[in-house]
Every structure is written in structure tokens, then in C-alpha cells.
C-alpha atoms as a PDB file:
ATOM      1  CA  MET A   1      64.912  39.532  77.475  1.00  0.00           C
ATOM      2  CA  SER A   2      63.118  41.602  80.032  1.00  0.00           C
ATOM      3  CA  THR A   3      59.440  42.363  80.417  1.00  0.00           C
ATOM      4  CA  THR A   4      58.166  45.383  82.201  1.00  0.00           C
ATOM      5  CA  THR A   5      54.748  45.944  83.664  1.00  0.00           C
ATOM      6  CA  SER A   6      53.319  49.292  84.474  1.00  0.00           C
ATOM      7  CA  SER A   7      51.201  50.053  87.460  1.00  0.00           C
ATOM      8  CA  SER A   8      48.334  51.208  85.210  1.00  0.00           C
ATOM      9  CA  GLY A   9      47.333  47.669  84.168  1.00  0.00           C
ATOM     10  CA  PRO A  10      48.463  44.563  82.351  1.00  0.00           C
ATOM     11  CA  PRO A  11      50.906  44.848  79.462  1.00  0.00           C
ATOM     12  CA  ALA A  12      49.521  45.243  75.965  1.00  0.00           C
ATOM     13  CA  GLY A  13      49.093  41.959  74.134  1.00  0.00           C
ATOM     14  CA  PHE A  14      50.079  41.145  70.603  1.00  0.00           C
ATOM     15  CA  PHE A  15      46.782  42.442  69.192  1.00  0.00           C
ATOM     16  CA  GLY A  16      46.651  45.585  71.295  1.00  0.00           C
ATOM     17  CA  SER A  17      45.317  46.510  74.661  1.00  0.00           C
ATOM     18  CA  GLN A  18      41.594  46.471  73.910  1.00  0.00           C
ATOM     19  CA  ASN A  19      39.582  43.873  75.723  1.00  0.00           C
ATOM     20  CA  GLN A  20      38.107  41.644  73.005  1.00  0.00           C
ATOM     21  CA  ASN A  21      35.439  40.146  75.278  1.00  0.00           C
ATOM     22  CA  THR A  22      33.291  43.258  75.494  1.00  0.00           C
ATOM     23  CA  PRO A  23      31.533  44.557  72.358  1.00  0.00           C
ATOM     24  CA  SER A  24      32.202  48.170  71.488  1.00  0.00           C
ATOM     25  CA  SER A  25      28.695  48.788  70.156  1.00  0.00           C
ATOM     26  CA  LYS A  26      25.333  47.137  70.534  1.00  0.00           C
ATOM     27  CA  SER A  27      24.114  45.122  67.589  1.00  0.00           C
ATOM     28  CA  SER A  28      20.528  45.207  66.467  1.00  0.00           C
ATOM     29  CA  LYS A  29      18.314  42.707  64.696  1.00  0.00           C
ATOM     30  CA  PRO A  30      18.864  42.765  60.903  1.00  0.00           C
ATOM     31  CA  ASP A  31      16.081  44.303  58.827  1.00  0.00           C
ATOM     32  CA  PHE A  32      15.517  41.678  56.131  1.00  0.00           C
ATOM     33  CA  ALA A  33      12.342  43.330  54.828  1.00  0.00           C
ATOM     34  CA  ALA A  34      14.251  46.508  53.970  1.00  0.00           C
ATOM     35  CA  ALA A  35      17.082  44.516  52.404  1.00  0.00           C
ATOM     36  CA  ARG A  36      14.653  42.692  50.104  1.00  0.00           C
ATOM     37  CA  LYS A  37      13.279  46.002  48.848  1.00  0.00           C
ATOM     38  CA  LYS A  38      16.704  47.149  47.675  1.00  0.00           C
ATOM     39  CA  GLN A  39      17.517  46.454  44.072  1.00  0.00           C
ATOM     40  CA  PHE A  40      20.899  44.762  43.842  1.00  0.00           C
ATOM     41  CA  TYR A  41      20.964  44.072  40.122  1.00  0.00           C
ATOM     42  CA  ARG A  42      22.619  46.755  38.046  1.00  0.00           C
ATOM     43  CA  PRO A  43      22.327  46.391  34.275  1.00  0.00           C
ATOM     44  CA  GLY A  44      25.726  46.275  32.619  1.00  0.00           C
ATOM     45  CA  ALA A  45      27.559  45.534  35.873  1.00  0.00           C
ATOM     46  CA  THR A  46      28.796  42.212  34.530  1.00  0.00           C
ATOM     47  CA  LYS A  47      29.999  41.269  31.075  1.00  0.00           C
ATOM     48  CA  TYR A  48      28.128  37.958  31.251  1.00  0.00           C
ATOM     49  CA  ASP A  49      24.716  39.586  30.890  1.00  0.00           C
ATOM     50  CA  ASP A  50      25.616  40.565  27.337  1.00  0.00           C
ATOM     51  CA  LEU A  51      26.320  36.907  26.488  1.00  0.00           C
ATOM     52  CA  LEU A  52      22.647  35.995  26.902  1.00  0.00           C
ATOM     53  CA  PRO A  53      20.732  36.004  23.603  1.00  0.00           C
ATOM     54  CA  PRO A  54      18.234  38.847  23.113  1.00  0.00           C
ATOM     55  CA  ASN A  55      15.312  36.380  23.202  1.00  0.00           C
ATOM     56  CA  TYR A  56      16.576  34.503  26.277  1.00  0.00           C
ATOM     57  CA  VAL A  57      13.359  35.064  28.233  1.00  0.00           C
ATOM     58  CA  GLU A  58      11.523  33.172  25.468  1.00  0.00           C
ATOM     59  CA  LEU A  59      13.963  30.240  25.694  1.00  0.00           C
ATOM     60  CA  VAL A  60      13.608  29.672  29.436  1.00  0.00           C
ATOM     61  CA  PRO A  61      11.018  26.983  30.292  1.00  0.00           C
ATOM     62  CA  LYS A  62       7.698  28.139  31.703  1.00  0.00           C
ATOM     63  CA  ALA A  63       8.302  26.458  35.097  1.00  0.00           C
ATOM     64  CA  ALA A  64      11.632  28.261  35.512  1.00  0.00           C
ATOM     65  CA  LEU A  65      10.074  31.609  34.559  1.00  0.00           C
ATOM     66  CA  GLU A  66       7.325  31.098  37.137  1.00  0.00           C
ATOM     67  CA  ALA A  67       9.938  30.350  39.794  1.00  0.00           C
ATOM     68  CA  PHE A  68      11.850  33.531  38.929  1.00  0.00           C
ATOM     69  CA  ARG A  69       8.665  35.621  38.908  1.00  0.00           C
ATOM     70  CA  SER A  70       7.530  34.256  42.258  1.00  0.00           C
ATOM     71  CA  GLU A  71       7.419  36.620  45.226  1.00  0.00           C
ATOM     72  CA  SER A  72       8.674  33.810  47.437  1.00  0.00           C
ATOM     73  CA  GLU A  73      11.977  34.343  49.211  1.00  0.00           C
ATOM     74  CA  LYS A  74      13.142  30.769  48.625  1.00  0.00           C
ATOM     75  CA  PHE A  75      12.993  28.120  45.937  1.00  0.00           C
ATOM     76  CA  ASP A  76      11.421  24.761  46.654  1.00  0.00           C
ATOM     77  CA  TRP A  77      14.277  22.241  47.033  1.00  0.00           C
ATOM     78  CA  LYS A  78      12.664  20.006  44.414  1.00  0.00           C
ATOM     79  CA  ASN A  79      12.102  22.821  41.910  1.00  0.00           C
ATOM     80  CA  ILE A  80      15.275  24.912  41.798  1.00  0.00           C
ATOM     81  CA  PRO A  81      15.646  26.245  38.232  1.00  0.00           C
ATOM     82  CA  GLU A  82      18.791  25.192  36.412  1.00  0.00           C
ATOM     83  CA  TRP A  83      18.661  28.336  34.308  1.00  0.00           C
ATOM     84  CA  VAL A  84      20.214  31.753  34.668  1.00  0.00           C
ATOM     85  CA  PRO A  85      17.563  34.299  35.631  1.00  0.00           C
ATOM     86  CA  PRO A  86      16.678  36.537  32.667  1.00  0.00           C
ATOM     87  CA  LYS A  87      17.859  40.131  32.997  1.00  0.00           C
ATOM     88  CA  GLU A  88      14.246  41.316  32.921  1.00  0.00           C
ATOM     89  CA  LEU A  89      13.389  39.344  36.063  1.00  0.00           C
ATOM     90  CA  ARG A  90      16.308  40.240  38.290  1.00  0.00           C
END
């Protein structure tokens, strides 16, 4: 088995000749505020939404509904609802 080296630089490695230590583009700080404004829920995107009863929002306890309606970004560790969020509040 013979290996050849060219005078233009080191031989290409298994994953190619790009230097993996230098980033190809600069990264910027993520914009979480803009991401929160996007609506990710799409009605009808999952078959499981149709399995919820039509009056599901009435069945969910008041404390869980308040947690889902909250503008907070996070749940309190002691008060995480054990209910599926109603479709109306997603």
C-alpha cells in the first residue's frame, strides 16, 4: 500500500479536506422572543387531537387550566399539570 502526498498540502482525510476546527459561518444569539411568537400548533396535524372529547376543556381541573393559560414560559416544578393541554389553549 502506498500513500502519496502532494506539494499543495496534507492529504485529504477520511471526512474530506475541510478543516473542522474553523467555523464556516458566524453564529448569532438565538431570538427566543420571536420563536415564542410563532404558533407551532396546527389543528388536525395529529390524529390524537380528535380523541379528546368535545367538552375536554370543561373536564380539566381549574388549576391545570390556569397553568395552561399562564403567560409564563415555564411551569412551576411543584405544579406541572398532568393533563393534556386542551386544543383551545395551545
